[in-house]
Amino acid sequence: MVSKQPDVMGFSPKDATWLGITLSPSASKRISQLSGDGQSILLTVKSSGCTGYAYVLKQISEPDEDTLKFESNGSTIYVSLSAMPFVDGTEVDYVREGLNQNFVYRNPNVKSECGCGESFGI
């Protein structure tokens, strides 16, 4: 008896059509402030919390080949290719809540969030 493997198609994030990431005007302003001194901002995700993943924004000196560039409201944000399936279509906002200011992610892919808001599930 001969077993035949079904055809398997590979998925290449660079070749995919993405909705992208958008920045609100306040997020765009804050990203521009954080991008000073030749730094750029990278959005990625990490395994974390009780529901699976957490957003990570970090400064990078130069984007590598495994990032996508998105421009919104006059600012540029880079997104790691590995994070795109988790964050595609997300709007990033920067809001003030009392004395605190932080980034808020409006992600249409999220199926669940932990009670404290630190992690999300897809």
PDB file of N, CA and C in Angstrom:
ATOM      1  N   MET A   1       0.840  -1.168   0.000  1.00  0.00           N
ATOM      2  CA  MET A   1       0.000   0.000   0.000  1.00  0.00           C
ATOM      3  C   MET A   1       0.890   1.237   0.000  1.00  0.00           C
ATOM      4  N   VAL A   2       0.624   2.145  -0.914  1.00  0.00           N
ATOM      5  CA  VAL A   2       1.413   3.361  -1.043  1.00  0.00           C
ATOM      6  C   VAL A   2       0.620   4.521  -0.458  1.00  0.00           C
ATOM      7  N   SER A   3       1.249   5.245   0.444  1.00  0.00           N
ATOM      8  CA  SER A   3       0.606   6.405   1.052  1.00  0.00           C
ATOM      9  C   SER A   3       1.069   7.653   0.326  1.00  0.00           C
ATOM     10  N   LYS A   4       0.148   8.500  -0.051  1.00  0.00           N
ATOM     11  CA  LYS A   4       0.505   9.725  -0.760  1.00  0.00           C
ATOM     12  C   LYS A   4       0.150  10.928   0.116  1.00  0.00           C
ATOM     13  N   GLN A   5       1.114  11.801   0.304  1.00  0.00           N
ATOM     14  CA  GLN A   5       0.891  13.011   1.086  1.00  0.00           C
ATOM     15  C   GLN A   5       0.032  13.977   0.273  1.00  0.00           C
ATOM     16  N   PRO A   6      -0.929  14.640   0.896  1.00  0.00           N
ATOM     17  CA  PRO A   6      -1.690  15.658   0.170  1.00  0.00           C
ATOM     18  C   PRO A   6      -0.780  16.842  -0.143  1.00  0.00           C
ATOM     19  N   ASP A   7      -1.119  17.566  -1.187  1.00  0.00           N
ATOM     20  CA  ASP A   7      -0.349  18.761  -1.519  1.00  0.00           C
ATOM     21  C   ASP A   7      -0.470  19.759  -0.374  1.00  0.00           C
ATOM     22  N   VAL A   8       0.651  20.300   0.017  1.00  0.00           N
ATOM     23  CA  VAL A   8       0.681  21.272   1.097  1.00  0.00           C
ATOM     24  C   VAL A   8       1.159  22.588   0.519  1.00  0.00           C
ATOM     25  N   MET A   9       0.392  23.631   0.764  1.00  0.00           N
ATOM     26  CA  MET A   9       0.787  24.951   0.288  1.00  0.00           C
ATOM     27  C   MET A   9       1.483  25.690   1.416  1.00  0.00           C
ATOM     28  N   GLY A  10       2.564  26.340   1.100  1.00  0.00           N
ATOM     29  CA  GLY A  10       3.261  27.141   2.092  1.00  0.00           C
ATOM     30  C   GLY A  10       2.612  28.509   2.213  1.00  0.00           C
ATOM     31  N   PHE A  11       2.802  29.140   3.349  1.00  0.00           N
ATOM     32  CA  PHE A  11       2.284  30.479   3.578  1.00  0.00           C
ATOM     33  C   PHE A  11       3.462  31.411   3.782  1.00  0.00           C
ATOM     34  N   SER A  12       3.550  32.426   2.967  1.00  0.00           N
ATOM     35  CA  SER A  12       4.621  33.401   3.085  1.00  0.00           C
ATOM     36  C   SER A  12       4.031  34.735   3.519  1.00  0.00           C
ATOM     37  N   PRO A  13       4.317  35.189   4.745  1.00  0.00           N
ATOM     38  CA  PRO A  13       3.756  36.456   5.211  1.00  0.00           C
ATOM     39  C   PRO A  13       4.093  37.636   4.312  1.00  0.00           C
ATOM     40  N   LYS A  14       5.278  37.615   3.691  1.00  0.00           N
ATOM     41  CA  LYS A  14       5.652  38.736   2.826  1.00  0.00           C
ATOM     42  C   LYS A  14       4.776  38.806   1.592  1.00  0.00           C
ATOM     43  N   ASP A  15       4.250  37.664   1.141  1.00  0.00           N
ATOM     44  CA  ASP A  15       3.434  37.630  -0.065  1.00  0.00           C
ATOM     45  C   ASP A  15       1.947  37.804   0.217  1.00  0.00           C
ATOM     46  N   ALA A  16       1.563  37.841   1.466  1.00  0.00           N
ATOM     47  CA  ALA A  16       0.149  37.943   1.827  1.00  0.00           C
ATOM     48  C   ALA A  16      -0.354  39.369   1.619  1.00  0.00           C
ATOM     49  N   THR A  17      -1.649  39.496   1.469  1.00  0.00           N
ATOM     50  CA  THR A  17      -2.278  40.808   1.409  1.00  0.00           C
ATOM     51  C   THR A  17      -2.800  41.124   2.802  1.00  0.00           C
ATOM     52  N   TRP A  18      -2.268  42.168   3.393  1.00  0.00           N
ATOM     53  CA  TRP A  18      -2.616  42.528   4.761  1.00  0.00           C
ATOM     54  C   TRP A  18      -3.492  43.768   4.774  1.00  0.00           C
ATOM     55  N   LEU A  19      -4.373  43.864   5.759  1.00  0.00           N
ATOM     56  CA  LEU A  19      -5.157  45.077   5.972  1.00  0.00           C
ATOM     57  C   LEU A  19      -4.258  46.186   6.498  1.00  0.00           C
ATOM     58  N   GLY A  20      -3.304  45.808   7.315  1.00  0.00           N
ATOM     59  CA  GLY A  20      -2.352  46.767   7.860  1.00  0.00           C
ATOM     60  C   GLY A  20      -2.669  47.186   9.283  1.00  0.00           C
ATOM     61  N   ILE A  21      -1.879  48.116   9.748  1.00  0.00           N
ATOM     62  CA  ILE A  21      -2.003  48.695  11.080  1.00  0.00           C
ATOM     63  C   ILE A  21      -2.267  50.178  10.884  1.00  0.00           C
ATOM     64  N   THR A  22      -3.220  50.730  11.624  1.00  0.00           N
ATOM     65  CA  THR A  22      -3.465  52.167  11.548  1.00  0.00           C
ATOM     66  C   THR A  22      -3.193  52.793  12.909  1.00  0.00           C
ATOM     67  N   LEU A  23      -2.826  54.053  12.876  1.00  0.00           N
ATOM     68  CA  LEU A  23      -2.544  54.815  14.085  1.00  0.00           C
ATOM     69  C   LEU A  23      -3.545  55.952  14.191  1.00  0.00           C
ATOM     70  N   SER A  24      -4.113  56.141  15.369  1.00  0.00           N
ATOM     71  CA  SER A  24      -4.959  57.312  15.604  1.00  0.00           C
ATOM     72  C   SER A  24      -4.047  58.539  15.594  1.00  0.00           C
ATOM     73  N   PRO A  25      -4.608  59.745  15.466  1.00  0.00           N
ATOM     74  CA  PRO A  25      -3.756  60.938  15.524  1.00  0.00           C
ATOM     75  C   PRO A  25      -2.917  61.014  16.804  1.00  0.00           C
ATOM     76  N   SER A  26      -3.496  60.652  17.954  1.00  0.00           N
ATOM     77  CA  SER A  26      -2.722  60.719  19.203  1.00  0.00           C
ATOM     78  C   SER A  26      -1.640  59.644  19.242  1.00  0.00           C
ATOM     79  N   ALA A  27      -1.917  58.451  18.718  1.00  0.00           N
ATOM     80  CA  ALA A  27      -0.888  57.401  18.660  1.00  0.00           C
ATOM     81  C   ALA A  27       0.212  57.802  17.689  1.00  0.00           C
ATOM     82  N   SER A  28      -0.171  58.401  16.575  1.00  0.00           N
ATOM     83  CA  SER A  28       0.815  58.851  15.595  1.00  0.00           C
ATOM     84  C   SER A  28       1.768  59.877  16.214  1.00  0.00           C
ATOM     85  N   LYS A  29       1.202  60.803  16.967  1.00  0.00           N
ATOM     86  CA  LYS A  29       2.025  61.826  17.627  1.00  0.00           C
ATOM     87  C   LYS A  29       2.997  61.179  18.617  1.00  0.00           C
ATOM     88  N   ARG A  30       2.508  60.225  19.407  1.00  0.00           N
ATOM     89  CA  ARG A  30       3.367  59.565  20.405  1.00  0.00           C
ATOM     90  C   ARG A  30       4.432  58.699  19.734  1.00  0.00           C
ATOM     91  N   ILE A  31       4.071  58.001  18.665  1.00  0.00           N
ATOM     92  CA  ILE A  31       5.046  57.197  17.915  1.00  0.00           C
ATOM     93  C   ILE A  31       6.144  58.101  17.363  1.00  0.00           C
ATOM     94  N   SER A  32       5.761  59.276  16.855  1.00  0.00           N
ATOM     95  CA  SER A  32       6.761  60.228  16.349  1.00  0.00           C
ATOM     96  C   SER A  32       7.708  60.676  17.458  1.00  0.00           C
ATOM     97  N   GLN A  33       7.166  60.913  18.655  1.00  0.00           N
ATOM     98  CA  GLN A  33       8.007  61.304  19.789  1.00  0.00           C
ATOM     99  C   GLN A  33       8.980  60.194  20.165  1.00  0.00           C
ATOM    100  N   LEU A  34       8.512  58.959  20.141  1.00  0.00           N
ATOM    101  CA  LEU A  34       9.360  57.820  20.505  1.00  0.00           C
ATOM    102  C   LEU A  34      10.366  57.468  19.417  1.00  0.00           C
ATOM    103  N   SER A  35      10.136  57.968  18.218  1.00  0.00           N
ATOM    104  CA  SER A  35      11.000  57.636  17.084  1.00  0.00           C
ATOM    105  C   SER A  35      12.177  58.585  16.931  1.00  0.00           C
ATOM    106  N   GLY A  36      12.417  59.430  17.893  1.00  0.00           N
ATOM    107  CA  GLY A  36      13.522  60.371  17.810  1.00  0.00           C
ATOM    108  C   GLY A  36      14.874  59.682  17.810  1.00  0.00           C
ATOM    109  N   ASP A  37      15.904  60.441  17.530  1.00  0.00           N
ATOM    110  CA  ASP A  37      17.288  59.953  17.553  1.00  0.00           C
ATOM    111  C   ASP A  37      17.526  58.785  16.604  1.00  0.00           C
ATOM    112  N   GLY A  38      16.867  58.798  15.445  1.00  0.00           N
ATOM    113  CA  GLY A  38      17.101  57.760  14.448  1.00  0.00           C
ATOM    114  C   GLY A  38      16.500  56.412  14.775  1.00  0.00           C
ATOM    115  N   GLN A  39      15.651  56.362  15.786  1.00  0.00           N
ATOM    116  CA  GLN A  39      15.005  55.112  16.176  1.00  0.00           C
ATOM    117  C   GLN A  39      13.679  54.955  15.439  1.00  0.00           C
ATOM    118  N   SER A  40      13.272  53.727  15.245  1.00  0.00           N
ATOM    119  CA  SER A  40      11.960  53.403  14.695  1.00  0.00           C
ATOM    120  C   SER A  40      11.214  52.577  15.731  1.00  0.00           C
ATOM    121  N   ILE A  41       9.905  52.454  15.540  1.00  0.00           N
ATOM    122  CA  ILE A  41       9.082  51.693  16.479  1.00  0.00           C
ATOM    123  C   ILE A  41       8.605  50.415  15.805  1.00  0.00           C
ATOM    124  N   LEU A  42       8.773  49.300  16.510  1.00  0.00           N
ATOM    125  CA  LEU A  42       8.371  47.981  16.039  1.00  0.00           C
ATOM    126  C   LEU A  42       7.248  47.460  16.926  1.00  0.00           C
ATOM    127  N   LEU A  43       6.168  46.995  16.293  1.00  0.00           N
ATOM    128  CA  LEU A  43       5.083  46.326  17.004  1.00  0.00           C
ATOM    129  C   LEU A  43       5.217  44.831  16.776  1.00  0.00           C
ATOM    130  N   THR A  44       5.197  44.084  17.853  1.00  0.00           N
ATOM    131  CA  THR A  44       5.230  42.632  17.769  1.00  0.00           C
ATOM    132  C   THR A  44       4.362  42.071  18.897  1.00  0.00           C
ATOM    133  N   VAL A  45       4.305  40.778  19.021  1.00  0.00           N
ATOM    134  CA  VAL A  45       3.569  40.141  20.119  1.00  0.00           C
ATOM    135  C   VAL A  45       4.475  39.119  20.785  1.00  0.00           C
ATOM    136  N   LYS A  46       4.149  38.806  22.032  1.00  0.00           N
ATOM    137  CA  LYS A  46       4.875  37.753  22.746  1.00  0.00           C
ATOM    138  C   LYS A  46       3.864  36.891  23.479  1.00  0.00           C
ATOM    139  N   SER A  47       4.237  35.657  23.761  1.00  0.00           N
ATOM    140  CA  SER A  47       3.396  34.786  24.579  1.00  0.00           C
ATOM    141  C   SER A  47       3.373  35.349  25.985  1.00  0.00           C
ATOM    142  N   SER A  48       2.161  35.525  26.524  1.00  0.00           N
ATOM    143  CA  SER A  48       2.079  36.158  27.833  1.00  0.00           C
ATOM    144  C   SER A  48       0.677  36.027  28.411  1.00  0.00           C
ATOM    145  N   GLY A  49       0.598  36.108  29.710  1.00  0.00           N
ATOM    146  CA  GLY A  49      -0.675  36.218  30.397  1.00  0.00           C
ATOM    147  C   GLY A  49      -1.542  34.980  30.337  1.00  0.00           C
ATOM    148  N   CYS A  50      -2.767  35.167  30.776  1.00  0.00           N
ATOM    149  CA  CYS A  50      -3.678  34.031  30.886  1.00  0.00           C
ATOM    150  C   CYS A  50      -4.428  33.722  29.595  1.00  0.00           C
ATOM    151  N   THR A  51      -4.416  34.618  28.624  1.00  0.00           N
ATOM    152  CA  THR A  51      -5.137  34.330  27.382  1.00  0.00           C
ATOM    153  C   THR A  51      -4.231  34.141  26.180  1.00  0.00           C
ATOM    154  N   GLY A  52      -2.934  34.277  26.342  1.00  0.00           N
ATOM    155  CA  GLY A  52      -2.046  33.879  25.261  1.00  0.00           C
ATOM    156  C   GLY A  52      -0.990  34.850  24.798  1.00  0.00           C
ATOM    157  N   TYR A  53      -1.366  36.094  24.450  1.00  0.00           N
ATOM    158  CA  TYR A  53      -0.414  36.995  23.806  1.00  0.00           C
ATOM    159  C   TYR A  53      -0.519  38.401  24.377  1.00  0.00           C
ATOM    160  N   ALA A  54       0.587  39.137  24.269  1.00  0.00           N
ATOM    161  CA  ALA A  54       0.616  40.537  24.674  1.00  0.00           C
ATOM    162  C   ALA A  54       1.298  41.344  23.578  1.00  0.00           C
ATOM    163  N   TYR A  55       0.867  42.586  23.426  1.00  0.00           N
ATOM    164  CA  TYR A  55       1.479  43.488  22.454  1.00  0.00           C
ATOM    165  C   TYR A  55       2.801  43.995  23.011  1.00  0.00           C
ATOM    166  N   VAL A  56       3.771  44.181  22.128  1.00  0.00           N
ATOM    167  CA  VAL A  56       5.067  44.722  22.518  1.00  0.00           C
ATOM    168  C   VAL A  56       5.435  45.814  21.522  1.00  0.00           C
ATOM    169  N   LEU A  57       5.686  47.006  22.026  1.00  0.00           N
ATOM    170  CA  LEU A  57       6.224  48.100  21.219  1.00  0.00           C
ATOM    171  C   LEU A  57       7.652  48.317  21.678  1.00  0.00           C
ATOM    172  N   LYS A  58       8.573  48.345  20.729  1.00  0.00           N
ATOM    173  CA  LYS A  58       9.957  48.589  21.123  1.00  0.00           C
ATOM    174  C   LYS A  58      10.667  49.427  20.078  1.00  0.00           C
ATOM    175  N   GLN A  59      11.677  50.141  20.547  1.00  0.00           N
ATOM    176  CA  GLN A  59      12.496  50.945  19.646  1.00  0.00           C
ATOM    177  C   GLN A  59      13.517  50.052  18.965  1.00  0.00           C
ATOM    178  N   ILE A  60      13.721  50.302  17.675  1.00  0.00           N
ATOM    179  CA  ILE A  60      14.749  49.591  16.917  1.00  0.00           C
ATOM    180  C   ILE A  60      15.558  50.622  16.148  1.00  0.00           C
ATOM    181  N   SER A  61      16.825  50.318  15.933  1.00  0.00           N
ATOM    182  CA  SER A  61      17.654  51.263  15.192  1.00  0.00           C
ATOM    183  C   SER A  61      17.455  51.126  13.692  1.00  0.00           C
ATOM    184  N   GLU A  62      17.144  49.913  13.256  1.00  0.00           N
ATOM    185  CA  GLU A  62      16.928  49.696  11.831  1.00  0.00           C
ATOM    186  C   GLU A  62      16.038  48.465  11.649  1.00  0.00           C
ATOM    187  N   PRO A  63      14.984  48.584  10.860  1.00  0.00           N
ATOM    188  CA  PRO A  63      14.133  47.410  10.630  1.00  0.00           C
ATOM    189  C   PRO A  63      14.878  46.348   9.831  1.00  0.00           C
ATOM    190  N   ASP A  64      14.571  45.084  10.093  1.00  0.00           N
ATOM    191  CA  ASP A  64      15.215  44.018   9.327  1.00  0.00           C
ATOM    192  C   ASP A  64      14.274  43.524   8.236  1.00  0.00           C
ATOM    193  N   GLU A  65      14.692  42.513   7.523  1.00  0.00           N
ATOM    194  CA  GLU A  65      13.914  42.020   6.387  1.00  0.00           C
ATOM    195  C   GLU A  65      12.633  41.310   6.806  1.00  0.00           C
ATOM    196  N   ASP A  66      12.486  40.990   8.071  1.00  0.00           N
ATOM    197  CA  ASP A  66      11.288  40.314   8.563  1.00  0.00           C
ATOM    198  C   ASP A  66      10.286  41.280   9.181  1.00  0.00           C
ATOM    199  N   THR A  67      10.231  42.506   8.645  1.00  0.00           N
ATOM    200  CA  THR A  67       9.265  43.491   9.124  1.00  0.00           C
ATOM    201  C   THR A  67       8.511  44.086   7.944  1.00  0.00           C
ATOM    202  N   LEU A  68       7.324  44.572   8.233  1.00  0.00           N
ATOM    203  CA  LEU A  68       6.529  45.310   7.263  1.00  0.00           C
ATOM    204  C   LEU A  68       6.400  46.739   7.763  1.00  0.00           C
ATOM    205  N   LYS A  69       6.358  47.682   6.844  1.00  0.00           N
ATOM    206  CA  LYS A  69       6.280  49.100   7.178  1.00  0.00           C
ATOM    207  C   LYS A  69       4.872  49.606   6.886  1.00  0.00           C
ATOM    208  N   PHE A  70       4.285  50.301   7.868  1.00  0.00           N
ATOM    209  CA  PHE A  70       2.972  50.908   7.689  1.00  0.00           C
ATOM    210  C   PHE A  70       3.065  52.378   8.051  1.00  0.00           C
ATOM    211  N   GLU A  71       2.449  53.223   7.230  1.00  0.00           N
ATOM    212  CA  GLU A  71       2.413  54.656   7.488  1.00  0.00           C
ATOM    213  C   GLU A  71       0.970  55.061   7.736  1.00  0.00           C
ATOM    214  N   SER A  72       0.770  55.850   8.776  1.00  0.00           N
ATOM    215  CA  SER A  72      -0.579  56.262   9.150  1.00  0.00           C
ATOM    216  C   SER A  72      -0.513  57.592   9.883  1.00  0.00           C
ATOM    217  N   ASN A  73      -1.323  58.531   9.468  1.00  0.00           N
ATOM    218  CA  ASN A  73      -1.391  59.854  10.105  1.00  0.00           C
ATOM    219  C   ASN A  73      -0.019  60.502  10.256  1.00  0.00           C
ATOM    220  N   GLY A  74       0.838  60.326   9.267  1.00  0.00           N
ATOM    221  CA  GLY A  74       2.136  60.989   9.257  1.00  0.00           C
ATOM    222  C   GLY A  74       3.244  60.280  10.012  1.00  0.00           C
ATOM    223  N   SER A  75       2.975  59.126  10.588  1.00  0.00           N
ATOM    224  CA  SER A  75       4.004  58.372  11.313  1.00  0.00           C
ATOM    225  C   SER A  75       4.183  56.995  10.694  1.00  0.00           C
ATOM    226  N   THR A  76       5.335  56.417  10.969  1.00  0.00           N
ATOM    227  CA  THR A  76       5.655  55.084  10.468  1.00  0.00           C
ATOM    228  C   THR A  76       5.783  54.123  11.638  1.00  0.00           C
ATOM    229  N   ILE A  77       5.198  52.944  11.469  1.00  0.00           N
ATOM    230  CA  ILE A  77       5.353  51.877  12.451  1.00  0.00           C
ATOM    231  C   ILE A  77       5.718  50.611  11.689  1.00  0.00           C
ATOM    232  N   TYR A  78       6.635  49.845  12.245  1.00  0.00           N
ATOM    233  CA  TYR A  78       7.040  48.572  11.656  1.00  0.00           C
ATOM    234  C   TYR A  78       6.380  47.448  12.448  1.00  0.00           C
ATOM    235  N   VAL A  79       6.053  46.378  11.745  1.00  0.00           N
ATOM    236  CA  VAL A  79       5.419  45.228  12.386  1.00  0.00           C
ATOM    237  C   VAL A  79       6.184  43.981  11.976  1.00  0.00           C
ATOM    238  N   SER A  80       6.524  43.152  12.953  1.00  0.00           N
ATOM    239  CA  SER A  80       7.219  41.907  12.629  1.00  0.00           C
ATOM    240  C   SER A  80       6.270  41.002  11.848  1.00  0.00           C
ATOM    241  N   LEU A  81       6.809  40.324  10.847  1.00  0.00           N
ATOM    242  CA  LEU A  81       5.998  39.424  10.024  1.00  0.00           C
ATOM    243  C   LEU A  81       5.317  38.351  10.865  1.00  0.00           C
ATOM    244  N   SER A  82       6.011  37.868  11.876  1.00  0.00           N
ATOM    245  CA  SER A  82       5.430  36.816  12.717  1.00  0.00           C
ATOM    246  C   SER A  82       4.223  37.307  13.503  1.00  0.00           C
ATOM    247  N   ALA A  83       4.130  38.622  13.733  1.00  0.00           N
ATOM    248  CA  ALA A  83       3.002  39.183  14.484  1.00  0.00           C
ATOM    249  C   ALA A  83       1.799  39.503  13.606  1.00  0.00           C
ATOM    250  N   MET A  84       1.988  39.604  12.300  1.00  0.00           N
ATOM    251  CA  MET A  84       0.900  40.047  11.424  1.00  0.00           C
ATOM    252  C   MET A  84      -0.376  39.220  11.528  1.00  0.00           C
ATOM    253  N   PRO A  85      -0.319  37.900  11.596  1.00  0.00           N
ATOM    254  CA  PRO A  85      -1.583  37.162  11.725  1.00  0.00           C
ATOM    255  C   PRO A  85      -2.355  37.513  13.004  1.00  0.00           C
ATOM    256  N   PHE A  86      -1.662  38.019  14.011  1.00  0.00           N
ATOM    257  CA  PHE A  86      -2.286  38.370  15.282  1.00  0.00           C
ATOM    258  C   PHE A  86      -2.787  39.809  15.319  1.00  0.00           C
ATOM    259  N   VAL A  87      -2.152  40.711  14.572  1.00  0.00           N
ATOM    260  CA  VAL A  87      -2.457  42.140  14.698  1.00  0.00           C
ATOM    261  C   VAL A  87      -3.004  42.781  13.424  1.00  0.00           C
ATOM    262  N   ASP A  88      -3.150  42.031  12.354  1.00  0.00           N
ATOM    263  CA  ASP A  88      -3.628  42.616  11.103  1.00  0.00           C
ATOM    264  C   ASP A  88      -4.996  43.268  11.300  1.00  0.00           C
ATOM    265  N   GLY A  89      -5.127  44.504  10.847  1.00  0.00           N
ATOM    266  CA  GLY A  89      -6.377  45.245  10.972  1.00  0.00           C
ATOM    267  C   GLY A  89      -6.502  46.038  12.261  1.00  0.00           C
ATOM    268  N   THR A  90      -5.479  46.010  13.094  1.00  0.00           N
ATOM    269  CA  THR A  90      -5.521  46.684  14.395  1.00  0.00           C
ATOM    270  C   THR A  90      -5.352  48.189  14.251  1.00  0.00           C
ATOM    271  N   GLU A  91      -6.142  48.931  15.024  1.00  0.00           N
ATOM    272  CA  GLU A  91      -5.933  50.365  15.158  1.00  0.00           C
ATOM    273  C   GLU A  91      -5.253  50.591  16.501  1.00  0.00           C
ATOM    274  N   VAL A  92      -4.152  51.324  16.479  1.00  0.00           N
ATOM    275  CA  VAL A  92      -3.423  51.657  17.699  1.00  0.00           C
ATOM    276  C   VAL A  92      -3.814  53.079  18.093  1.00  0.00           C
ATOM    277  N   ASP A  93      -4.206  53.255  19.337  1.00  0.00           N
ATOM    278  CA  ASP A  93      -4.576  54.567  19.859  1.00  0.00           C
ATOM    279  C   ASP A  93      -3.691  54.851  21.068  1.00  0.00           C
ATOM    280  N   TYR A  94      -3.592  56.120  21.439  1.00  0.00           N
ATOM    281  CA  TYR A  94      -2.851  56.511  22.633  1.00  0.00           C
ATOM    282  C   TYR A  94      -3.800  57.353  23.464  1.00  0.00           C
ATOM    283  N   VAL A  95      -4.147  56.873  24.643  1.00  0.00           N
ATOM    284  CA  VAL A  95      -5.195  57.521  25.430  1.00  0.00           C
ATOM    285  C   VAL A  95      -4.717  57.867  26.836  1.00  0.00           C
ATOM    286  N   ARG A  96      -5.401  58.858  27.397  1.00  0.00           N
ATOM    287  CA  ARG A  96      -5.170  59.249  28.793  1.00  0.00           C
ATOM    288  C   ARG A  96      -6.331  58.702  29.614  1.00  0.00           C
ATOM    289  N   GLU A  97      -5.996  57.990  30.680  1.00  0.00           N
ATOM    290  CA  GLU A  97      -6.991  57.475  31.618  1.00  0.00           C
ATOM    291  C   GLU A  97      -6.572  57.928  33.006  1.00  0.00           C
ATOM    292  N   GLY A  98      -7.212  58.965  33.497  1.00  0.00           N
ATOM    293  CA  GLY A  98      -6.796  59.547  34.768  1.00  0.00           C
ATOM    294  C   GLY A  98      -5.411  60.151  34.624  1.00  0.00           C
ATOM    295  N   LEU A  99      -4.480  59.710  35.453  1.00  0.00           N
ATOM    296  CA  LEU A  99      -3.103  60.201  35.375  1.00  0.00           C
ATOM    297  C   LEU A  99      -2.241  59.378  34.424  1.00  0.00           C
ATOM    298  N   ASN A 100      -2.771  58.269  33.956  1.00  0.00           N
ATOM    299  CA  ASN A 100      -2.002  57.365  33.093  1.00  0.00           C
ATOM    300  C   ASN A 100      -2.250  57.636  31.613  1.00  0.00           C
ATOM    301  N   GLN A 101      -1.225  57.389  30.822  1.00  0.00           N
ATOM    302  CA  GLN A 101      -1.336  57.431  29.369  1.00  0.00           C
ATOM    303  C   GLN A 101      -0.773  56.125  28.847  1.00  0.00           C
ATOM    304  N   ASN A 102      -1.478  55.509  27.903  1.00  0.00           N
ATOM    305  CA  ASN A 102      -0.961  54.257  27.360  1.00  0.00           C
ATOM    306  C   ASN A 102      -1.554  53.983  25.984  1.00  0.00           C
ATOM    307  N   PHE A 103      -0.927  53.037  25.298  1.00  0.00           N
ATOM    308  CA  PHE A 103      -1.418  52.614  23.997  1.00  0.00           C
ATOM    309  C   PHE A 103      -2.568  51.641  24.196  1.00  0.00           C
ATOM    310  N   VAL A 104      -3.579  51.780  23.349  1.00  0.00           N
ATOM    311  CA  VAL A 104      -4.740  50.895  23.344  1.00  0.00           C
ATOM    312  C   VAL A 104      -4.824  50.298  21.949  1.00  0.00           C
ATOM    313  N   TYR A 105      -5.100  49.005  21.891  1.00  0.00           N
ATOM    314  CA  TYR A 105      -5.136  48.287  20.613  1.00  0.00           C
ATOM    315  C   TYR A 105      -6.559  47.829  20.333  1.00  0.00           C
ATOM    316  N   ARG A 106      -7.111  48.295  19.230  1.00  0.00           N
ATOM    317  CA  ARG A 106      -8.442  47.852  18.796  1.00  0.00           C
ATOM    318  C   ARG A 106      -8.227  46.820  17.698  1.00  0.00           C
ATOM    319  N   ASN A 107      -8.236  45.571  18.114  1.00  0.00           N
ATOM    320  CA  ASN A 107      -7.850  44.464  17.246  1.00  0.00           C
ATOM    321  C   ASN A 107      -9.076  43.612  16.904  1.00  0.00           C
ATOM    322  N   PRO A 108      -9.472  43.584  15.626  1.00  0.00           N
ATOM    323  CA  PRO A 108     -10.656  42.808  15.244  1.00  0.00           C
ATOM    324  C   PRO A 108     -10.460  41.295  15.334  1.00  0.00           C
ATOM    325  N   ASN A 109      -9.232  40.837  15.505  1.00  0.00           N
ATOM    326  CA  ASN A 109      -8.933  39.407  15.568  1.00  0.00           C
ATOM    327  C   ASN A 109      -9.093  38.814  16.962  1.00  0.00           C
ATOM    328  N   VAL A 110      -9.178  39.656  17.980  1.00  0.00           N
ATOM    329  CA  VAL A 110      -9.206  39.194  19.368  1.00  0.00           C
ATOM    330  C   VAL A 110     -10.520  38.476  19.664  1.00  0.00           C
ATOM    331  N   LYS A 111     -10.388  37.285  20.209  1.00  0.00           N
ATOM    332  CA  LYS A 111     -11.549  36.479  20.611  1.00  0.00           C
ATOM    333  C   LYS A 111     -11.762  36.522  22.122  1.00  0.00           C
ATOM    334  N   SER A 112     -10.681  36.770  22.874  1.00  0.00           N
ATOM    335  CA  SER A 112     -10.799  36.838  24.331  1.00  0.00           C
ATOM    336  C   SER A 112      -9.688  37.720  24.884  1.00  0.00           C
ATOM    337  N   GLU A 113      -9.966  38.327  26.033  1.00  0.00           N
ATOM    338  CA  GLU A 113      -8.976  39.141  26.737  1.00  0.00           C
ATOM    339  C   GLU A 113      -9.007  38.753  28.209  1.00  0.00           C
ATOM    340  N   CYS A 114      -7.855  38.870  28.854  1.00  0.00           N
ATOM    341  CA  CYS A 114      -7.840  38.575  30.281  1.00  0.00           C
ATOM    342  C   CYS A 114      -8.483  39.739  31.031  1.00  0.00           C
ATOM    343  N   GLY A 115      -8.866  39.502  32.252  1.00  0.00           N
ATOM    344  CA  GLY A 115      -9.554  40.507  33.049  1.00  0.00           C
ATOM    345  C   GLY A 115      -8.763  41.780  33.267  1.00  0.00           C
ATOM    346  N   CYS A 116      -7.451  41.666  33.368  1.00  0.00           N
ATOM    347  CA  CYS A 116      -6.625  42.845  33.622  1.00  0.00           C
ATOM    348  C   CYS A 116      -6.268  43.580  32.332  1.00  0.00           C
ATOM    349  N   GLY A 117      -6.583  42.991  31.173  1.00  0.00           N
ATOM    350  CA  GLY A 117      -6.320  43.657  29.901  1.00  0.00           C
ATOM    351  C   GLY A 117      -4.900  43.530  29.396  1.00  0.00           C
ATOM    352  N   GLU A 118      -4.078  42.735  30.048  1.00  0.00           N
ATOM    353  CA  GLU A 118      -2.680  42.606  29.649  1.00  0.00           C
ATOM    354  C   GLU A 118      -2.448  41.621  28.512  1.00  0.00           C
ATOM    355  N   SER A 119      -3.367  40.687  28.306  1.00  0.00           N
ATOM    356  CA  SER A 119      -3.143  39.702  27.249  1.00  0.00           C
ATOM    357  C   SER A 119      -4.435  39.447  26.479  1.00  0.00           C
ATOM    358  N   PHE A 120      -4.279  38.836  25.312  1.00  0.00           N
ATOM    359  CA  PHE A 120      -5.425  38.562  24.453  1.00  0.00           C
ATOM    360  C   PHE A 120      -5.261  37.206  23.790  1.00  0.00           C
ATOM    361  N   GLY A 121      -6.374  36.667  23.327  1.00  0.00           N
ATOM    362  CA  GLY A 121      -6.368  35.391  22.617  1.00  0.00           C
ATOM    363  C   GLY A 121      -6.985  35.559  21.246  1.00  0.00           C
ATOM    364  N   ILE A 122      -6.488  34.775  20.319  1.00  0.00           N
ATOM    365  CA  ILE A 122      -6.975  34.821  18.930  1.00  0.00           C
ATOM    366  C   ILE A 122      -7.740  33.543  18.638  1.00  0.00           C
TER     367      ILE A 122
END
